[in-house]
N, C-alpha and C. Protein backbone atom coordinates (compact mmCIF):
# COMPACT_ATOMS: atom_id res chain seq x y z
N SER A 1 -8.55 22.74 29.27
CA SER A 1 -8.27 22.32 27.70
C SER A 1 -8.15 23.60 26.99
N THR A 2 -7.30 23.58 25.89
CA THR A 2 -6.79 24.60 25.06
C THR A 2 -7.79 24.52 23.50
N ASP A 3 -8.18 24.93 23.04
CA ASP A 3 -8.83 25.14 22.04
C ASP A 3 -8.19 24.59 20.80
N GLN A 4 -8.09 23.49 20.08
CA GLN A 4 -7.24 23.28 18.90
C GLN A 4 -8.20 24.61 17.54
N GLY A 5 -8.73 25.08 17.91
CA GLY A 5 -9.66 25.43 16.67
C GLY A 5 -9.61 24.82 15.44
N SER A 6 -8.66 25.54 13.92
CA SER A 6 -9.41 24.17 12.92
C SER A 6 -8.14 23.96 12.70
N ASP A 7 -6.90 23.83 13.21
CA ASP A 7 -5.26 23.06 13.03
C ASP A 7 -5.64 21.23 12.95
N PRO A 8 -4.62 20.99 11.93
CA PRO A 8 -5.50 19.40 11.63
C PRO A 8 -4.80 18.80 12.49
N VAL A 9 -5.41 17.46 12.47
CA VAL A 9 -4.82 16.29 13.85
C VAL A 9 -3.09 16.25 13.21
N SER A 10 -2.53 16.48 14.26
CA SER A 10 -1.46 15.77 14.05
C SER A 10 -1.10 14.21 14.10
N ALA A 11 0.44 13.67 13.38
CA ALA A 11 0.42 12.42 13.30
C ALA A 11 0.88 11.99 14.91
N LEU A 12 1.40 13.23 15.36
CA LEU A 12 2.09 12.83 16.52
C LEU A 12 0.82 12.34 18.33
N ASP A 13 -0.19 12.88 17.78
CA ASP A 13 -1.63 12.72 18.56
C ASP A 13 -1.69 11.32 18.85
N PHE A 14 -1.59 10.32 18.18
CA PHE A 14 -1.45 8.98 17.50
C PHE A 14 -0.70 8.46 18.59
N ALA A 15 -0.77 6.83 19.12
CA ALA A 15 -0.46 6.01 20.14
C ALA A 15 0.79 5.78 19.14
N GLY A 16 2.32 5.20 19.43
CA GLY A 16 3.18 4.68 18.70
C GLY A 16 3.88 5.73 17.73
N SER A 17 3.56 6.96 18.23
CA SER A 17 4.42 7.84 17.35
C SER A 17 5.25 9.02 17.83
N ALA A 18 6.30 9.30 17.55
CA ALA A 18 6.99 10.39 17.90
C ALA A 18 7.60 11.25 17.12
N ALA A 19 7.75 12.70 17.82
CA ALA A 19 8.67 13.59 17.04
C ALA A 19 10.26 13.32 16.72
N PRO A 20 10.91 13.59 15.48
CA PRO A 20 12.34 13.35 15.22
C PRO A 20 13.00 13.88 16.49
N GLU A 21 14.46 13.30 16.82
CA GLU A 21 15.06 14.16 17.71
C GLU A 21 15.93 15.49 16.89
N ALA A 22 16.33 16.65 17.85
CA ALA A 22 16.91 17.29 17.67
C ALA A 22 17.43 17.78 16.43
N ASP A 23 18.19 16.40 16.03
CA ASP A 23 19.30 16.53 14.81
C ASP A 23 18.40 16.00 13.86
N GLY A 24 16.98 15.20 14.12
CA GLY A 24 16.44 14.86 13.10
C GLY A 24 16.34 13.15 12.94
N SER A 25 16.96 12.78 13.59
CA SER A 25 17.36 11.42 13.73
C SER A 25 15.86 10.54 14.37
N ALA A 26 15.82 9.25 14.47
CA ALA A 26 14.79 8.58 14.63
C ALA A 26 14.92 8.52 16.39
N PRO A 27 13.71 8.64 17.14
CA PRO A 27 14.22 8.10 18.76
C PRO A 27 14.09 6.97 18.72
N GLU A 28 14.80 6.64 19.69
CA GLU A 28 14.99 4.98 20.50
C GLU A 28 13.41 4.09 20.23
N GLY A 29 13.48 3.21 19.31
CA GLY A 29 12.63 2.21 19.12
C GLY A 29 11.37 2.61 18.24
N PHE A 30 11.61 3.66 17.59
CA PHE A 30 10.68 4.34 16.71
C PHE A 30 11.35 4.76 15.16
N GLU A 31 11.51 3.57 14.41
CA GLU A 31 12.60 3.09 13.28
C GLU A 31 11.57 3.61 11.77
N ILE A 32 10.48 3.83 12.08
CA ILE A 32 9.65 3.90 10.83
C ILE A 32 9.60 5.28 10.39
N LYS A 33 9.89 5.52 9.51
CA LYS A 33 9.41 7.29 9.15
C LYS A 33 8.41 7.11 8.50
N GLY A 34 7.65 9.01 9.09
CA GLY A 34 6.43 9.21 8.14
C GLY A 34 6.58 10.16 7.70
N ASN A 35 6.04 10.71 6.39
CA ASN A 35 6.40 11.98 6.01
C ASN A 35 5.55 12.37 5.83
N ALA A 36 4.95 13.62 6.45
CA ALA A 36 3.59 14.33 6.57
C ALA A 36 2.79 14.64 4.99
N ASP A 37 3.64 15.30 4.44
CA ASP A 37 3.24 15.49 2.85
C ASP A 37 2.45 14.76 2.31
N SER A 38 3.51 13.44 2.15
CA SER A 38 2.76 12.42 1.07
C SER A 38 1.71 11.38 2.42
N MET A 39 1.93 11.61 3.44
CA MET A 39 0.93 10.52 4.24
C MET A 39 1.27 9.49 4.22
N LEU A 40 3.07 8.92 3.78
CA LEU A 40 3.33 7.64 3.43
C LEU A 40 4.48 7.61 4.86
N TYR A 41 4.23 6.07 4.92
CA TYR A 41 5.22 5.30 6.11
C TYR A 41 6.68 4.49 5.11
N HIS A 42 7.63 4.44 5.68
CA HIS A 42 8.90 4.27 4.89
C HIS A 42 10.30 3.34 6.15
N GLU A 43 9.96 2.03 5.79
CA GLU A 43 10.24 1.22 7.06
C GLU A 43 11.87 1.00 6.42
N PRO A 44 12.91 0.74 7.65
CA PRO A 44 13.96 0.69 7.48
C PRO A 44 14.22 -0.09 6.28
N GLY A 45 15.45 0.12 4.99
CA GLY A 45 15.80 -0.78 4.17
C GLY A 45 14.94 -0.78 3.16
N THR A 46 14.15 0.27 2.85
CA THR A 46 13.18 0.18 2.27
C THR A 46 13.69 1.16 0.72
N ARG A 47 13.49 1.02 -0.39
CA ARG A 47 13.67 1.79 -1.44
C ARG A 47 13.88 3.48 -0.70
N TYR A 48 12.66 3.97 0.17
CA TYR A 48 12.87 5.74 0.04
C TYR A 48 13.42 6.11 1.55
N TYR A 49 13.70 4.63 2.26
CA TYR A 49 14.04 5.52 3.94
C TYR A 49 15.05 6.05 3.62
N ASN A 50 16.44 6.24 3.15
CA ASN A 50 17.00 6.92 3.70
C ASN A 50 17.14 8.53 3.03
N GLN A 51 16.54 8.39 1.99
CA GLN A 51 15.98 10.16 1.16
C GLN A 51 15.09 10.51 1.81
N THR A 52 14.43 9.74 2.80
CA THR A 52 12.96 10.56 3.65
C THR A 52 13.36 11.36 4.98
N VAL A 53 12.99 12.92 4.62
CA VAL A 53 13.12 13.05 6.00
C VAL A 53 11.71 13.39 6.82
N ALA A 54 11.30 12.51 7.68
CA ALA A 54 10.54 12.41 8.58
C ALA A 54 10.14 13.51 9.90
N GLU A 55 8.46 13.74 9.20
CA GLU A 55 8.34 14.65 10.18
C GLU A 55 7.62 13.88 11.17
N VAL A 56 7.48 12.28 11.53
CA VAL A 56 7.14 11.77 12.42
C VAL A 56 7.59 10.12 12.08
N TYR A 57 8.18 10.14 13.34
CA TYR A 57 8.24 8.31 13.33
C TYR A 57 7.17 7.51 14.24
N PHE A 58 7.36 6.00 13.58
CA PHE A 58 6.50 5.16 13.97
C PHE A 58 7.10 4.31 14.73
N ASP A 59 6.63 3.97 16.04
CA ASP A 59 7.27 2.27 16.69
C ASP A 59 6.82 1.04 16.06
N THR A 60 5.75 0.92 15.21
CA THR A 60 4.61 -0.01 14.36
C THR A 60 4.44 0.41 12.88
N VAL A 61 4.00 -0.41 11.80
CA VAL A 61 3.20 -0.04 10.68
C VAL A 61 2.40 -0.26 10.95
N GLU A 62 1.37 -1.32 12.36
CA GLU A 62 0.28 -0.73 12.15
C GLU A 62 -0.22 0.66 13.14
N SER A 63 1.01 1.01 13.67
CA SER A 63 0.76 2.49 14.47
C SER A 63 0.63 3.74 13.14
N ALA A 64 1.56 3.51 12.33
CA ALA A 64 1.50 4.69 11.18
C ALA A 64 -0.06 4.42 10.45
N GLU A 65 -0.26 3.34 10.36
CA GLU A 65 -1.74 3.18 9.64
C GLU A 65 -2.49 3.73 9.89
N ALA A 66 -2.80 3.21 12.08
CA ALA A 66 -3.68 4.08 12.70
C ALA A 66 -3.68 5.25 12.23
N ALA A 67 -2.47 5.62 12.01
CA ALA A 67 -2.32 8.16 12.38
C ALA A 67 -3.00 7.99 10.99
N GLY A 68 -3.43 6.98 9.59
CA GLY A 68 -3.51 7.83 8.50
C GLY A 68 -2.57 7.35 7.49
N PHE A 69 -1.65 7.23 7.61
CA PHE A 69 -0.36 6.82 6.74
C PHE A 69 -0.30 5.48 6.00
N ALA A 70 0.56 5.60 4.90
CA ALA A 70 0.37 4.03 4.09
C ALA A 70 1.50 3.83 3.34
N ALA A 71 1.67 2.64 3.09
CA ALA A 71 3.16 2.32 2.80
C ALA A 71 2.94 2.63 1.24
N PRO A 72 3.79 3.26 0.57
CA PRO A 72 4.65 3.65 -0.93
C PRO A 72 3.88 2.73 -1.64
N GLY A 73 3.20 2.89 -2.61
CA GLY A 73 2.44 1.82 -3.62
C GLY A 73 1.20 1.69 -3.20
N GLY A 74 1.12 1.21 -1.58
CA GLY A 74 -0.11 0.98 -1.14
C GLY A 74 0.48 -0.59 -0.72
N GLY A 75 1.39 -0.88 -0.60
CA GLY A 75 1.98 -1.78 0.42
C GLY A 75 2.00 -3.37 -0.44
N ALA A 76 2.58 -4.36 0.08
CA ALA A 76 2.82 -5.34 -0.85
C ALA A 76 1.66 -6.08 -0.68
N THR A 77 1.00 -6.50 0.43
CA THR A 77 -0.58 -6.71 0.49
C THR A 77 -1.73 -5.96 -0.13
N ALA A 78 -1.63 -4.85 -0.34
CA ALA A 78 -2.59 -4.56 -1.37
C ALA A 78 -2.24 -4.42 -2.51
N THR A 79 -1.13 -4.52 -3.08
CA THR A 79 -0.44 -4.66 -4.90
C THR A 79 -0.87 -5.53 -4.94
N ALA A 80 -0.37 -6.98 -4.17
CA ALA A 80 -0.83 -8.56 -4.29
C ALA A 80 -2.67 -8.42 -4.62
N ASP A 81 -3.44 -8.10 -3.97
CA ASP A 81 -4.75 -7.88 -3.89
C ASP A 81 -5.29 -6.83 -4.84
N ALA A 82 -4.67 -5.64 -5.38
CA ALA A 82 -4.92 -5.66 -6.78
C ALA A 82 -4.73 -6.29 -7.91
N VAL A 83 -3.59 -7.28 -7.87
CA VAL A 83 -3.06 -7.84 -9.27
C VAL A 83 -4.44 -8.81 -9.01
N GLU A 84 -4.41 -9.63 -8.18
CA GLU A 84 -5.73 -10.86 -8.40
C GLU A 84 -6.73 -10.23 -8.44
N SER A 85 -6.85 -8.80 -8.28
CA SER A 85 -8.61 -8.58 -8.61
C SER A 85 -8.71 -8.32 -10.54
N ALA A 86 -7.26 -7.91 -10.70
CA ALA A 86 -7.07 -7.49 -11.93
C ALA A 86 -7.14 -8.97 -12.65
N GLU A 87 -6.41 -9.72 -12.05
CA GLU A 87 -6.77 -11.04 -12.68
C GLU A 87 -7.97 -11.76 -12.57
N ASP A 88 -8.96 -11.19 -11.24
CA ASP A 88 -9.99 -11.71 -11.63
C ASP A 88 -11.42 -11.08 -12.98
N ILE A 89 -11.20 -9.99 -12.88
CA ILE A 89 -11.41 -9.06 -13.63
C ILE A 89 -11.27 -9.35 -15.25
N GLU A 90 -9.98 -9.45 -15.34
CA GLU A 90 -9.49 -10.41 -16.67
C GLU A 90 -10.29 -11.29 -17.36
N THR A 91 -10.29 -12.32 -16.21
CA THR A 91 -10.99 -13.73 -16.51
C THR A 91 -11.81 -13.61 -16.99
N GLU A 92 -12.58 -12.73 -16.09
CA GLU A 92 -14.28 -12.46 -16.07
C GLU A 92 -15.12 -11.92 -17.72
N ASP A 93 -13.69 -10.88 -18.20
CA ASP A 93 -14.15 -9.98 -19.43
C ASP A 93 -13.90 -11.62 -20.08
N ASN A 94 -12.51 -11.79 -20.89
CA ASN A 94 -12.51 -12.84 -21.39
C ASN A 94 -13.93 -13.84 -21.89
N ALA A 95 -14.12 -14.40 -20.72
CA ALA A 95 -15.35 -15.31 -20.44
C ALA A 95 -16.21 -14.61 -20.77
N THR A 96 -16.72 -13.56 -20.84
CA THR A 96 -17.77 -12.83 -21.26
C THR A 96 -17.94 -12.57 -22.67
N ALA A 97 -16.98 -12.50 -23.51
CA ALA A 97 -16.39 -12.01 -24.54
C ALA A 97 -16.63 -13.15 -25.27
N SER A 98 -16.24 -14.68 -24.90
CA SER A 98 -16.05 -16.01 -25.49
C SER A 98 -18.04 -16.47 -25.65
N ALA A 99 -18.37 -15.91 -24.72
CA ALA A 99 -19.67 -16.35 -24.44
C ALA A 99 -20.69 -15.24 -25.61
N ALA A 100 -20.61 -14.31 -25.48
CA ALA A 100 -20.84 -13.35 -26.24
C ALA A 100 -20.57 -13.95 -28.04
N ARG A 101 -19.40 -14.68 -28.47
CA ARG A 101 -19.22 -14.60 -29.67
C ARG A 101 -19.75 -16.44 -29.87
N GLY A 102 -19.96 -17.00 -28.92
CA GLY A 102 -21.11 -18.41 -28.61
C GLY A 102 -19.40 -19.18 -28.55
N GLU A 103 -18.88 -19.03 -28.34
CA GLU A 103 -17.93 -19.74 -28.00
C GLU A 103 -17.82 -20.36 -26.60
N SER A 104 -17.47 -21.08 -26.26
CA SER A 104 -17.08 -22.22 -24.80
C SER A 104 -15.48 -22.42 -24.98
N GLU A 105 -15.56 -23.14 -23.41
CA GLU A 105 -14.28 -23.61 -23.22
C GLU A 105 -13.94 -24.92 -24.03
N ALA A 106 -15.14 -25.42 -24.24
CA ALA A 106 -14.66 -26.62 -25.19
C ALA A 106 -14.73 -26.88 -26.69
N ASP A 107 -14.96 -25.59 -26.92
CA ASP A 107 -14.61 -25.12 -28.35
C ASP A 107 -13.39 -24.69 -28.72
N ALA A 108 -12.34 -24.31 -27.18
CA ALA A 108 -11.17 -23.89 -27.11
C ALA A 108 -10.50 -24.99 -27.01
N GLU A 109 -10.58 -25.76 -26.82
CA GLU A 109 -9.67 -26.99 -26.14
C GLU A 109 -9.09 -27.95 -27.62
N PRO A 110 -10.22 -28.17 -28.51
CA PRO A 110 -9.68 -28.97 -29.69
C PRO A 110 -8.54 -28.29 -30.59
N ALA A 111 -8.83 -27.21 -30.72
CA ALA A 111 -7.86 -26.01 -31.12
C ALA A 111 -6.56 -26.33 -30.28
N VAL A 112 -6.15 -26.20 -29.19
CA VAL A 112 -5.01 -26.08 -28.63
C VAL A 112 -4.07 -27.46 -29.17
N GLU A 113 -4.95 -28.37 -28.80
CA GLU A 113 -4.77 -29.80 -28.73
C GLU A 113 -4.55 -30.31 -30.24
N GLU A 114 -4.73 -30.00 -31.39
CA GLU A 114 -4.72 -30.01 -32.56
C GLU A 114 -3.30 -29.22 -33.19
N GLU A 115 -2.67 -28.10 -32.42
CA GLU A 115 -1.56 -27.27 -32.66
C GLU A 115 -0.10 -28.58 -31.83
N GLY A 116 -0.55 -29.40 -31.23
CA GLY A 116 0.67 -29.90 -30.78
C GLY A 116 0.62 -31.29 -31.41
N ASN A 117 -0.11 -31.50 -32.77
CA ASN A 117 -0.16 -32.81 -33.48
C ASN A 117 1.00 -32.45 -34.70
């Protein structure tokens, strides 16, 4: 075995990854582009896919993520989770602020009903 020294681990060391073809194109079965500078992966049909020059290609999103790559913007699931978390925090903050003012949901409801009259 050869001593790699302090060379960083290459994305090509992971299962499900492949180097670009000589012309930079995707090897057959490896359509997901990996950008080693940003550590982001790009799937066909996504916003930056065509302009991304891949240093590595992956066969699946799971392979890209196992190699340490992430979807741009954290991916749809991560974005949805972040929005949900922000909404939870906002709801908790509003409830805390209302409680601090001595208000309750019961105090707020009649005011809403009165607007309809």
